[in-house]
Amino acid sequence: MRKSFPRAELADVVGSAAIRDHPVVGAGYGTNTAKWAAELADGRRVFVKHALDERAAEWLRKEHNVYRAVDASFLPAFYGWHDTAARTFLVIEDLSDAHWPPPWAAAHIDAMLAALDAVHASAQPAGLARVEDEHDFNGWLRIVDDPGPFLSLRLCSPAWLDRSLPALLDAAGGAALEGDAFLHLDARGDNACIRDGHAILVDWNWAGIGNGLVDVVGWLPSLRLEGGPEPWSVVDDSRGLAALFAGFFLALAPLPPPETAPRVREFQLRQGEVALGWAARELGLDPPTLSV
C-alpha cells in the first residue's frame, strides 16, 4: 500500500514545515518503503524514508538505532524519527547533491575504503548482533545438499563443481567472520555516495559486529560490476570470504525473488559470478567453466 507524504507528522518531528516535496523512485532494490525528498521552511533539505509494511518498519527501527547512537562523517545528518501504529519513518539529510556511483574514480574507491575503515573503528550502537550469530552466509552447505539450482545458473559444469566443492567448502567454513568491528554489511554503490571527497553510507538496517574485512570483501563484487577494479587488486587475501560470499550469493540467486525485491536475484547472480571467479583464483582452482 502506497503511503501519502507525512506532511503534518514530518513538521512535528523536524520542527519545520515542508514547502516542497517529491517522491524518490528507483533507489535500491526494495519496494516496501516510500521515499521523498523535501525542502523545509527553515532551508534544510531532507530525505524521508517511510515503511510500507512491518518488515520495513523493523528495518527502519534498526537504522534508527544506528543514527541515534552514532555521529560520524560516514553517516548523513539525522533529523528525526516517527514510529506509531499508523506511520514509521526516518528523516535524514537529502544527499541528492552528492555523486552516487557509478562511475567509480580511483579517488571514490579510496574514499569508500576510508569510510569503511572509519565505520570499523567506531563505537558500536547497543543491540547489534554478531555476524557469525545472525547470518547464515555459507550457501555452499545448501549447494552440496542440492546442487541442481546452482548448476541451473550455468556458471560451471557439474564436473567443475565436483572438483572444486571441497576447496570452496573448506575456505567458506573457515572464513574470517569474527571480530569486534562495527559493520555496515550492505556496502554497495546504491548505498553510498561521495561528497567533498568523503563517502557517506546509507541503509544501515543490516548493521552488525564482526571482522571489518567482511564489509570490504562483500562490497568488491558489486564494485567490479560497476566498472571498478578486479577485487583481488584491492584485497589480496580475502581469508576465505570470497568463497563465502560466492556461496552466499549463488545459493540465493536461483530462488524466486522476494515480493518486495523483485530485481535482487539477478544482482545476486552477477555478484556471485564475480565472487566465484575471485574465490577460484584465490584457491588455485581452474576458472569456472561449462566445459568439462
C-alpha atoms as a PDB file:
ATOM      1  CA  MET A   1       0.000   0.000   0.000  1.00  0.00           C
ATOM      2  CA  ARG A   2       1.402   3.364  -1.022  1.00  0.00           C
ATOM      3  CA  LYS A   3       1.555   5.916   1.787  1.00  0.00           C
ATOM      4  CA  SER A   4       0.917   9.606   1.330  1.00  0.00           C
ATOM      5  CA  PHE A   5       3.591  12.119   2.209  1.00  0.00           C
ATOM      6  CA  PRO A   6       3.531  12.528   6.039  1.00  0.00           C
ATOM      7  CA  ARG A   7       3.335  16.317   5.960  1.00  0.00           C
ATOM      8  CA  ALA A   8       1.913  17.001   9.417  1.00  0.00           C
ATOM      9  CA  GLU A   9       3.971  14.344  11.198  1.00  0.00           C
ATOM     10  CA  LEU A  10       7.162  15.487   9.462  1.00  0.00           C
ATOM     11  CA  ALA A  11       6.635  19.061  10.647  1.00  0.00           C
ATOM     12  CA  ASP A  12       6.194  17.799  14.215  1.00  0.00           C
ATOM     13  CA  VAL A  13       9.360  15.674  14.004  1.00  0.00           C
ATOM     14  CA  VAL A  14      11.732  18.203  12.431  1.00  0.00           C
ATOM     15  CA  GLY A  15      10.175  21.420  13.732  1.00  0.00           C
ATOM     16  CA  SER A  16       9.649  22.971  10.302  1.00  0.00           C
ATOM     17  CA  ALA A  17       7.018  22.580   7.588  1.00  0.00           C
ATOM     18  CA  ALA A  18       7.758  21.093   4.174  1.00  0.00           C
ATOM     19  CA  ILE A  19       7.289  23.702   1.463  1.00  0.00           C
ATOM     20  CA  ARG A  20       8.207  21.397  -1.433  1.00  0.00           C
ATOM     21  CA  ASP A  21       8.388  17.622  -1.759  1.00  0.00           C
ATOM     22  CA  HIS A  22       8.669  14.988  -4.433  1.00  0.00           C
ATOM     23  CA  PRO A  23       8.861  11.178  -4.435  1.00  0.00           C
ATOM     24  CA  VAL A  24      12.229   9.496  -4.965  1.00  0.00           C
ATOM     25  CA  VAL A  25      11.911   6.430  -7.169  1.00  0.00           C
ATOM     26  CA  GLY A  26      14.340   3.811  -8.385  1.00  0.00           C
ATOM     27  CA  ALA A  27      16.666   3.865  -5.358  1.00  0.00           C
ATOM     28  CA  GLY A  28      17.739   0.422  -4.121  1.00  0.00           C
ATOM     29  CA  TYR A  29      16.133  -2.982  -4.654  1.00  0.00           C
ATOM     30  CA  GLY A  30      13.315  -2.968  -2.105  1.00  0.00           C
ATOM     31  CA  THR A  31       9.754  -1.913  -2.844  1.00  0.00           C
ATOM     32  CA  ASN A  32       8.419  -1.847   0.715  1.00  0.00           C
ATOM     33  CA  THR A  33       9.469   1.705   1.549  1.00  0.00           C
ATOM     34  CA  ALA A  34       8.276   5.016   0.174  1.00  0.00           C
ATOM     35  CA  LYS A  35      10.862   7.782  -0.166  1.00  0.00           C
ATOM     36  CA  TRP A  36      10.561  11.529  -0.563  1.00  0.00           C
ATOM     37  CA  ALA A  37      12.906  14.494  -0.797  1.00  0.00           C
ATOM     38  CA  ALA A  38      11.591  17.676   0.767  1.00  0.00           C
ATOM     39  CA  GLU A  39      12.634  21.269   1.292  1.00  0.00           C
ATOM     40  CA  LEU A  40      11.720  22.713   4.693  1.00  0.00           C
ATOM     41  CA  ALA A  41      10.683  26.248   5.505  1.00  0.00           C
ATOM     42  CA  ASP A  42      13.876  26.683   7.563  1.00  0.00           C
ATOM     43  CA  GLY A  43      16.021  25.922   4.470  1.00  0.00           C
ATOM     44  CA  ARG A  44      17.001  22.334   5.254  1.00  0.00           C
ATOM     45  CA  ARG A  45      16.652  19.674   2.569  1.00  0.00           C
ATOM     46  CA  VAL A  46      15.645  16.281   3.935  1.00  0.00           C
ATOM     47  CA  PHE A  47      15.087  12.723   2.808  1.00  0.00           C
ATOM     48  CA  VAL A  48      12.110  10.843   4.276  1.00  0.00           C
ATOM     49  CA  LYS A  49      12.100   7.039   4.268  1.00  0.00           C
ATOM     50  CA  HIS A  50       8.694   5.591   5.129  1.00  0.00           C
ATOM     51  CA  ALA A  51       7.882   1.926   5.893  1.00  0.00           C
ATOM     52  CA  LEU A  52       5.083   0.332   3.860  1.00  0.00           C
ATOM     53  CA  ASP A  53       4.922  -2.905   5.860  1.00  0.00           C
ATOM     54  CA  GLU A  54       6.006  -4.245   9.216  1.00  0.00           C
ATOM     55  CA  ARG A  55       9.228  -5.766   7.902  1.00  0.00           C
ATOM     56  CA  ALA A  56      10.295  -2.387   6.545  1.00  0.00           C
ATOM     57  CA  ALA A  57       9.310  -0.794   9.866  1.00  0.00           C
ATOM     58  CA  GLU A  58      11.646  -3.196  11.676  1.00  0.00           C
ATOM     59  CA  TRP A  59      14.437  -2.327   9.239  1.00  0.00           C
ATOM     60  CA  LEU A  60      13.876   1.367   9.892  1.00  0.00           C
ATOM     61  CA  ARG A  61      13.981   0.780  13.656  1.00  0.00           C
ATOM     62  CA  LYS A  62      17.361  -0.889  13.203  1.00  0.00           C
ATOM     63  CA  GLU A  63      18.562   2.066  11.120  1.00  0.00           C
ATOM     64  CA  HIS A  64      17.273   4.478  13.738  1.00  0.00           C
ATOM     65  CA  ASN A  65      19.259   2.600  16.364  1.00  0.00           C
ATOM     66  CA  VAL A  66      22.410   3.451  14.390  1.00  0.00           C
ATOM     67  CA  TYR A  67      21.535   7.081  13.661  1.00  0.00           C
ATOM     68  CA  ARG A  68      20.623   7.939  17.234  1.00  0.00           C
ATOM     69  CA  ALA A  69      23.834   6.378  18.608  1.00  0.00           C
ATOM     70  CA  VAL A  70      26.488   7.378  16.055  1.00  0.00           C
ATOM     71  CA  ASP A  71      27.508  10.858  14.916  1.00  0.00           C
ATOM     72  CA  ALA A  72      30.192  10.498  12.258  1.00  0.00           C
ATOM     73  CA  SER A  73      31.163  11.822   8.833  1.00  0.00           C
ATOM     74  CA  PHE A  74      30.315   8.483   7.180  1.00  0.00           C
ATOM     75  CA  LEU A  75      26.648   8.990   8.135  1.00  0.00           C
ATOM     76  CA  PRO A  76      24.181  11.528   6.757  1.00  0.00           C
ATOM     77  CA  ALA A  77      22.883  14.069   9.248  1.00  0.00           C
ATOM     78  CA  PHE A  78      19.989  12.629  11.248  1.00  0.00           C
ATOM     79  CA  TYR A  79      16.951  14.923  11.559  1.00  0.00           C
ATOM     80  CA  GLY A  80      14.148  12.907  13.053  1.00  0.00           C
ATOM     81  CA  TRP A  81      12.199   9.752  13.767  1.00  0.00           C
ATOM     82  CA  HIS A  82       8.499   8.903  13.921  1.00  0.00           C
ATOM     83  CA  ASP A  83       7.148   5.491  14.952  1.00  0.00           C
ATOM     84  CA  THR A  84       3.440   4.946  15.606  1.00  0.00           C
ATOM     85  CA  ALA A  85       0.893   2.308  14.664  1.00  0.00           C
ATOM     86  CA  ALA A  86      -0.038   4.418  11.645  1.00  0.00           C
ATOM     87  CA  ARG A  87       3.368   5.503  10.353  1.00  0.00           C
ATOM     88  CA  THR A  88       7.051   4.701  10.772  1.00  0.00           C
ATOM     89  CA  PHE A  89       9.547   6.969   9.042  1.00  0.00           C
ATOM     90  CA  LEU A  90      13.122   8.182   9.305  1.00  0.00           C
ATOM     91  CA  VAL A  91      14.343  11.648   8.334  1.00  0.00           C
ATOM     92  CA  ILE A  92      17.939  12.299   7.262  1.00  0.00           C
ATOM     93  CA  GLU A  93      19.641  14.940   5.164  1.00  0.00           C
ATOM     94  CA  ASP A  94      18.992  14.970   1.439  1.00  0.00           C
ATOM     95  CA  LEU A  95      22.120  13.738  -0.353  1.00  0.00           C
ATOM     96  CA  SER A  96      20.930  14.325  -3.908  1.00  0.00           C
ATOM     97  CA  ASP A  97      23.720  16.870  -4.457  1.00  0.00           C
ATOM     98  CA  ALA A  98      26.364  14.156  -3.881  1.00  0.00           C
ATOM     99  CA  HIS A  99      27.903  11.847  -6.501  1.00  0.00           C
ATOM    100  CA  TRP A 100      26.204   8.439  -6.459  1.00  0.00           C
ATOM    101  CA  PRO A 101      28.454   5.905  -8.186  1.00  0.00           C
ATOM    102  CA  PRO A 102      28.900   4.564 -10.737  1.00  0.00           C
ATOM    103  CA  PRO A 103      31.161   5.694 -12.192  1.00  0.00           C
ATOM    104  CA  TRP A 104      33.848   5.000  -9.614  1.00  0.00           C
ATOM    105  CA  ALA A 105      37.008   7.058  -9.930  1.00  0.00           C
ATOM    106  CA  ALA A 106      40.084   5.894  -8.027  1.00  0.00           C
ATOM    107  CA  ALA A 107      39.518   8.702  -5.521  1.00  0.00           C
ATOM    108  CA  HIS A 108      35.954   7.489  -4.925  1.00  0.00           C
ATOM    109  CA  ILE A 109      37.181   3.973  -4.173  1.00  0.00           C
ATOM    110  CA  ASP A 110      39.776   5.346  -1.762  1.00  0.00           C
ATOM    111  CA  ALA A 111      37.058   7.435  -0.078  1.00  0.00           C
ATOM    112  CA  MET A 112      34.847   4.380   0.311  1.00  0.00           C
ATOM    113  CA  LEU A 113      37.655   2.327   1.815  1.00  0.00           C
ATOM    114  CA  ALA A 114      38.472   5.169   4.211  1.00  0.00           C
ATOM    115  CA  ALA A 115      34.819   5.431   5.227  1.00  0.00           C
ATOM    116  CA  LEU A 116      34.619   1.697   5.891  1.00  0.00           C
ATOM    117  CA  ASP A 117      37.796   1.929   7.978  1.00  0.00           C
ATOM    118  CA  ALA A 118      36.153   4.717   9.986  1.00  0.00           C
ATOM    119  CA  VAL A 119      32.994   2.640  10.455  1.00  0.00           C
ATOM    120  CA  HIS A 120      35.033  -0.301  11.710  1.00  0.00           C
ATOM    121  CA  ALA A 121      36.916   1.890  14.186  1.00  0.00           C
ATOM    122  CA  SER A 122      33.743   3.472  15.598  1.00  0.00           C
ATOM    123  CA  ALA A 123      31.978   2.531  18.787  1.00  0.00           C
ATOM    124  CA  GLN A 124      29.038   0.215  18.104  1.00  0.00           C
ATOM    125  CA  PRO A 125      25.433   1.071  18.875  1.00  0.00           C
ATOM    126  CA  ALA A 126      23.886  -1.143  21.531  1.00  0.00           C
ATOM    127  CA  GLY A 127      21.963  -4.200  20.472  1.00  0.00           C
ATOM    128  CA  LEU A 128      23.843  -5.176  17.309  1.00  0.00           C
ATOM    129  CA  ALA A 129      24.233  -8.879  16.588  1.00  0.00           C
ATOM    130  CA  ARG A 130      27.489 -10.584  15.726  1.00  0.00           C
ATOM    131  CA  VAL A 131      27.783 -11.620  12.095  1.00  0.00           C
ATOM    132  CA  GLU A 132      28.585 -15.231  12.888  1.00  0.00           C
ATOM    133  CA  ASP A 133      25.490 -15.496  15.097  1.00  0.00           C
ATOM    134  CA  GLU A 134      22.991 -13.592  12.953  1.00  0.00           C
ATOM    135  CA  HIS A 135      23.696 -14.610   9.344  1.00  0.00           C
ATOM    136  CA  ASP A 136      23.856 -17.979   7.600  1.00  0.00           C
ATOM    137  CA  PHE A 137      26.335 -16.946   4.918  1.00  0.00           C
ATOM    138  CA  ASN A 138      27.627 -20.366   3.903  1.00  0.00           C
ATOM    139  CA  GLY A 139      25.486 -21.193   0.893  1.00  0.00           C
ATOM    140  CA  TRP A 140      27.868 -23.963  -0.176  1.00  0.00           C
ATOM    141  CA  LEU A 141      26.342 -26.171   2.514  1.00  0.00           C
ATOM    142  CA  ARG A 142      22.976 -25.848   0.768  1.00  0.00           C
ATOM    143  CA  ILE A 143      24.536 -26.271  -2.676  1.00  0.00           C
ATOM    144  CA  VAL A 144      26.285 -29.509  -1.724  1.00  0.00           C
ATOM    145  CA  ASP A 145      22.963 -30.897  -0.457  1.00  0.00           C
ATOM    146  CA  ASP A 146      21.139 -29.932  -3.665  1.00  0.00           C
ATOM    147  CA  PRO A 147      23.415 -28.732  -6.478  1.00  0.00           C
ATOM    148  CA  GLY A 148      20.663 -28.575  -9.097  1.00  0.00           C
ATOM    149  CA  PRO A 149      19.535 -24.966  -8.558  1.00  0.00           C
ATOM    150  CA  PHE A 150      23.148 -23.746  -8.531  1.00  0.00           C
ATOM    151  CA  LEU A 151      24.004 -25.662 -11.709  1.00  0.00           C
ATOM    152  CA  SER A 152      20.909 -24.194 -13.377  1.00  0.00           C
ATOM    153  CA  LEU A 153      22.704 -20.824 -13.252  1.00  0.00           C
ATOM    154  CA  ARG A 154      25.113 -22.229 -15.875  1.00  0.00           C
ATOM    155  CA  LEU A 155      28.239 -20.755 -14.347  1.00  0.00           C
ATOM    156  CA  CYS A 156      30.116 -24.050 -14.331  1.00  0.00           C
ATOM    157  CA  SER A 157      29.813 -27.707 -15.292  1.00  0.00           C
ATOM    158  CA  PRO A 158      28.875 -30.470 -12.821  1.00  0.00           C
ATOM    159  CA  ALA A 159      32.436 -31.772 -13.203  1.00  0.00           C
ATOM    160  CA  TRP A 160      33.936 -28.408 -12.247  1.00  0.00           C
ATOM    161  CA  LEU A 161      31.656 -28.215  -9.217  1.00  0.00           C
ATOM    162  CA  ASP A 162      32.606 -31.745  -8.117  1.00  0.00           C
ATOM    163  CA  ARG A 163      36.308 -30.909  -8.366  1.00  0.00           C
ATOM    164  CA  SER A 164      36.005 -27.542  -6.658  1.00  0.00           C
ATOM    165  CA  LEU A 165      33.430 -28.054  -3.917  1.00  0.00           C
ATOM    166  CA  PRO A 166      35.842 -29.470  -1.298  1.00  0.00           C
ATOM    167  CA  ALA A 167      38.100 -26.403  -1.505  1.00  0.00           C
ATOM    168  CA  LEU A 168      35.156 -23.972  -1.605  1.00  0.00           C
ATOM    169  CA  LEU A 169      33.501 -25.632   1.382  1.00  0.00           C
ATOM    170  CA  ASP A 170      36.733 -25.627   3.351  1.00  0.00           C
ATOM    171  CA  ALA A 171      37.513 -21.972   2.585  1.00  0.00           C
ATOM    172  CA  ALA A 172      33.984 -20.765   3.318  1.00  0.00           C
ATOM    173  CA  GLY A 173      33.788 -22.826   6.508  1.00  0.00           C
ATOM    174  CA  GLY A 174      36.965 -21.219   7.814  1.00  0.00           C
ATOM    175  CA  ALA A 175      36.222 -17.689   6.592  1.00  0.00           C
ATOM    176  CA  ALA A 176      37.255 -14.868   8.895  1.00  0.00           C
ATOM    177  CA  LEU A 177      33.931 -13.566  10.237  1.00  0.00           C
ATOM    178  CA  GLU A 178      34.743 -12.949  13.877  1.00  0.00           C
ATOM    179  CA  GLY A 179      35.839  -9.589  15.168  1.00  0.00           C
ATOM    180  CA  ASP A 180      34.718  -6.592  17.170  1.00  0.00           C
ATOM    181  CA  ALA A 181      34.305  -4.014  14.410  1.00  0.00           C
ATOM    182  CA  PHE A 182      31.109  -2.084  13.717  1.00  0.00           C
ATOM    183  CA  LEU A 183      29.932  -3.258  10.274  1.00  0.00           C
ATOM    184  CA  HIS A 184      27.565  -1.830   7.669  1.00  0.00           C
ATOM    185  CA  LEU A 185      27.068  -5.237   5.959  1.00  0.00           C
ATOM    186  CA  ASP A 186      25.410  -3.865   2.817  1.00  0.00           C
ATOM    187  CA  ALA A 187      28.060  -1.675   1.185  1.00  0.00           C
ATOM    188  CA  ARG A 188      27.163  -1.111  -2.475  1.00  0.00           C
ATOM    189  CA  GLY A 189      27.088   1.742  -4.945  1.00  0.00           C
ATOM    190  CA  ASP A 190      23.394   2.447  -4.328  1.00  0.00           C
ATOM    191  CA  ASN A 191      24.044   2.621  -0.568  1.00  0.00           C
ATOM    192  CA  ALA A 192      26.961   5.066  -0.757  1.00  0.00           C
ATOM    193  CA  CYS A 193      27.670   8.482  -2.195  1.00  0.00           C
ATOM    194  CA  ILE A 194      30.679  10.767  -2.426  1.00  0.00           C
ATOM    195  CA  ARG A 195      30.565  14.381  -1.316  1.00  0.00           C
ATOM    196  CA  ASP A 196      33.528  16.716  -0.844  1.00  0.00           C
ATOM    197  CA  GLY A 197      35.897  13.781  -1.192  1.00  0.00           C
ATOM    198  CA  HIS A 198      34.248  11.712   1.550  1.00  0.00           C
ATOM    199  CA  ALA A 199      31.996   8.660   1.296  1.00  0.00           C
ATOM    200  CA  ILE A 200      28.652   8.651   3.109  1.00  0.00           C
ATOM    201  CA  LEU A 201      26.838   5.354   3.713  1.00  0.00           C
ATOM    202  CA  VAL A 202      23.064   4.894   3.970  1.00  0.00           C
ATOM    203  CA  ASP A 203      20.730   1.927   4.585  1.00  0.00           C
ATOM    204  CA  TRP A 204      22.018   0.667   7.926  1.00  0.00           C
ATOM    205  CA  ASN A 205      19.405  -1.996   8.633  1.00  0.00           C
ATOM    206  CA  TRP A 206      21.925  -4.865   8.334  1.00  0.00           C
ATOM    207  CA  ALA A 207      24.496  -3.294  10.687  1.00  0.00           C
ATOM    208  CA  GLY A 208      26.315  -5.752  12.922  1.00  0.00           C
ATOM    209  CA  ILE A 209      29.599  -6.668  14.610  1.00  0.00           C
ATOM    210  CA  GLY A 210      32.427  -8.736  13.171  1.00  0.00           C
ATOM    211  CA  ASN A 211      35.583  -8.638  11.085  1.00  0.00           C
ATOM    212  CA  GLY A 212      35.882  -5.388   9.138  1.00  0.00           C
ATOM    213  CA  LEU A 213      37.169  -7.310   6.115  1.00  0.00           C
ATOM    214  CA  VAL A 214      33.618  -8.680   5.678  1.00  0.00           C
ATOM    215  CA  ASP A 215      32.383  -5.229   4.621  1.00  0.00           C
ATOM    216  CA  VAL A 216      35.170  -4.740   2.084  1.00  0.00           C
ATOM    217  CA  VAL A 217      35.000  -8.213   0.530  1.00  0.00           C
ATOM    218  CA  GLY A 218      31.201  -8.035   0.389  1.00  0.00           C
ATOM    219  CA  TRP A 219      31.402  -4.727  -1.482  1.00  0.00           C
ATOM    220  CA  LEU A 220      34.039  -5.597  -4.085  1.00  0.00           C
ATOM    221  CA  PRO A 221      31.941  -7.833  -6.407  1.00  0.00           C
ATOM    222  CA  SER A 222      29.390  -5.032  -6.885  1.00  0.00           C
ATOM    223  CA  LEU A 223      32.214  -2.538  -7.360  1.00  0.00           C
ATOM    224  CA  ARG A 224      33.592  -4.706 -10.166  1.00  0.00           C
ATOM    225  CA  LEU A 225      30.158  -4.829 -11.793  1.00  0.00           C
ATOM    226  CA  GLU A 226      30.039  -1.029 -11.671  1.00  0.00           C
ATOM    227  CA  GLY A 227      33.280  -0.669 -13.604  1.00  0.00           C
ATOM    228  CA  GLY A 228      35.708  -0.912 -10.700  1.00  0.00           C
ATOM    229  CA  PRO A 229      38.895  -2.989 -10.453  1.00  0.00           C
ATOM    230  CA  GLU A 230      39.191  -6.728 -10.050  1.00  0.00           C
ATOM    231  CA  PRO A 231      38.530  -7.473  -6.374  1.00  0.00           C
ATOM    232  CA  TRP A 232      41.887  -9.169  -5.778  1.00  0.00           C
ATOM    233  CA  SER A 233      43.658  -5.950  -6.738  1.00  0.00           C
ATOM    234  CA  VAL A 234      42.034  -4.314  -3.697  1.00  0.00           C
ATOM    235  CA  VAL A 235      42.182  -7.244  -1.244  1.00  0.00           C
ATOM    236  CA  ASP A 236      44.994  -9.700  -1.959  1.00  0.00           C
ATOM    237  CA  ASP A 237      43.843 -12.248   0.649  1.00  0.00           C
ATOM    238  CA  SER A 238      40.141 -12.460   1.462  1.00  0.00           C
ATOM    239  CA  ARG A 239      40.784 -15.065   4.186  1.00  0.00           C
ATOM    240  CA  GLY A 240      38.088 -17.309   2.783  1.00  0.00           C
ATOM    241  CA  LEU A 241      35.499 -14.553   2.461  1.00  0.00           C
ATOM    242  CA  ALA A 242      35.484 -14.551  -1.354  1.00  0.00           C
ATOM    243  CA  ALA A 243      34.429 -18.208  -1.278  1.00  0.00           C
ATOM    244  CA  LEU A 244      31.901 -17.496   1.465  1.00  0.00           C
ATOM    245  CA  PHE A 245      30.251 -14.641  -0.439  1.00  0.00           C
ATOM    246  CA  ALA A 246      30.256 -16.646  -3.683  1.00  0.00           C
ATOM    247  CA  GLY A 247      28.267 -19.386  -1.967  1.00  0.00           C
ATOM    248  CA  PHE A 248      26.013 -16.873  -0.245  1.00  0.00           C
ATOM    249  CA  PHE A 249      25.038 -15.073  -3.458  1.00  0.00           C
ATOM    250  CA  LEU A 250      24.821 -18.167  -5.636  1.00  0.00           C
ATOM    251  CA  ALA A 251      22.674 -20.183  -3.217  1.00  0.00           C
ATOM    252  CA  LEU A 252      20.173 -17.299  -3.247  1.00  0.00           C
ATOM    253  CA  ALA A 253      20.300 -16.450  -6.964  1.00  0.00           C
ATOM    254  CA  PRO A 254      18.165 -19.420  -8.203  1.00  0.00           C
ATOM    255  CA  LEU A 255      15.388 -18.804  -5.647  1.00  0.00           C
ATOM    256  CA  PRO A 256      12.158 -16.986  -6.500  1.00  0.00           C
ATOM    257  CA  PRO A 257      12.595 -13.254  -5.864  1.00  0.00           C
ATOM    258  CA  PRO A 258      11.130 -11.785  -2.688  1.00  0.00           C
ATOM    259  CA  GLU A 259       7.856  -9.962  -3.302  1.00  0.00           C
ATOM    260  CA  THR A 260       9.388  -6.740  -2.009  1.00  0.00           C
ATOM    261  CA  ALA A 261      12.652  -7.038  -4.005  1.00  0.00           C
ATOM    262  CA  PRO A 262      11.785  -8.375  -7.469  1.00  0.00           C
ATOM    263  CA  ARG A 263      15.139  -7.451  -9.065  1.00  0.00           C
ATOM    264  CA  VAL A 264      17.510  -8.671  -6.382  1.00  0.00           C
ATOM    265  CA  ARG A 265      18.132 -12.237  -7.674  1.00  0.00           C
ATOM    266  CA  GLU A 266      19.727 -11.063 -10.918  1.00  0.00           C
ATOM    267  CA  PHE A 267      22.033  -8.781  -8.942  1.00  0.00           C
ATOM    268  CA  GLN A 268      22.945 -11.626  -6.569  1.00  0.00           C
ATOM    269  CA  LEU A 269      23.753 -13.806  -9.577  1.00  0.00           C
ATOM    270  CA  ARG A 270      26.057 -11.206 -11.070  1.00  0.00           C
ATOM    271  CA  GLN A 271      27.809 -10.557  -7.738  1.00  0.00           C
ATOM    272  CA  GLY A 272      28.133 -14.287  -7.157  1.00  0.00           C
ATOM    273  CA  GLU A 273      29.734 -14.816 -10.564  1.00  0.00           C
ATOM    274  CA  VAL A 274      32.411 -12.235  -9.743  1.00  0.00           C
ATOM    275  CA  ALA A 275      32.963 -13.692  -6.265  1.00  0.00           C
ATOM    276  CA  LEU A 276      33.199 -17.229  -7.643  1.00  0.00           C
ATOM    277  CA  GLY A 277      35.920 -16.264 -10.100  1.00  0.00           C
ATOM    278  CA  TRP A 278      37.756 -14.467  -7.298  1.00  0.00           C
ATOM    279  CA  ALA A 279      37.479 -17.480  -4.985  1.00  0.00           C
ATOM    280  CA  ALA A 280      38.700 -19.859  -7.690  1.00  0.00           C
ATOM    281  CA  ARG A 281      41.719 -17.655  -8.352  1.00  0.00           C
ATOM    282  CA  GLU A 282      42.491 -17.341  -4.646  1.00  0.00           C
ATOM    283  CA  LEU A 283      42.182 -21.083  -4.032  1.00  0.00           C
ATOM    284  CA  GLY A 284      44.191 -22.120  -7.085  1.00  0.00           C
ATOM    285  CA  LEU A 285      41.200 -23.710  -8.812  1.00  0.00           C
ATOM    286  CA  ASP A 286      40.557 -23.771 -12.524  1.00  0.00           C
ATOM    287  CA  PRO A 287      38.333 -20.851 -13.590  1.00  0.00           C
ATOM    288  CA  PRO A 288      34.648 -21.820 -13.549  1.00  0.00           C
ATOM    289  CA  THR A 289      33.656 -23.212 -16.919  1.00  0.00           C
ATOM    290  CA  LEU A 290      30.751 -25.038 -18.546  1.00  0.00           C
ATOM    291  CA  SER A 291      33.139 -27.366 -20.339  1.00  0.00           C
ATOM    292  CA  VAL A 292      34.359 -30.486 -18.560  1.00  0.00           C
END
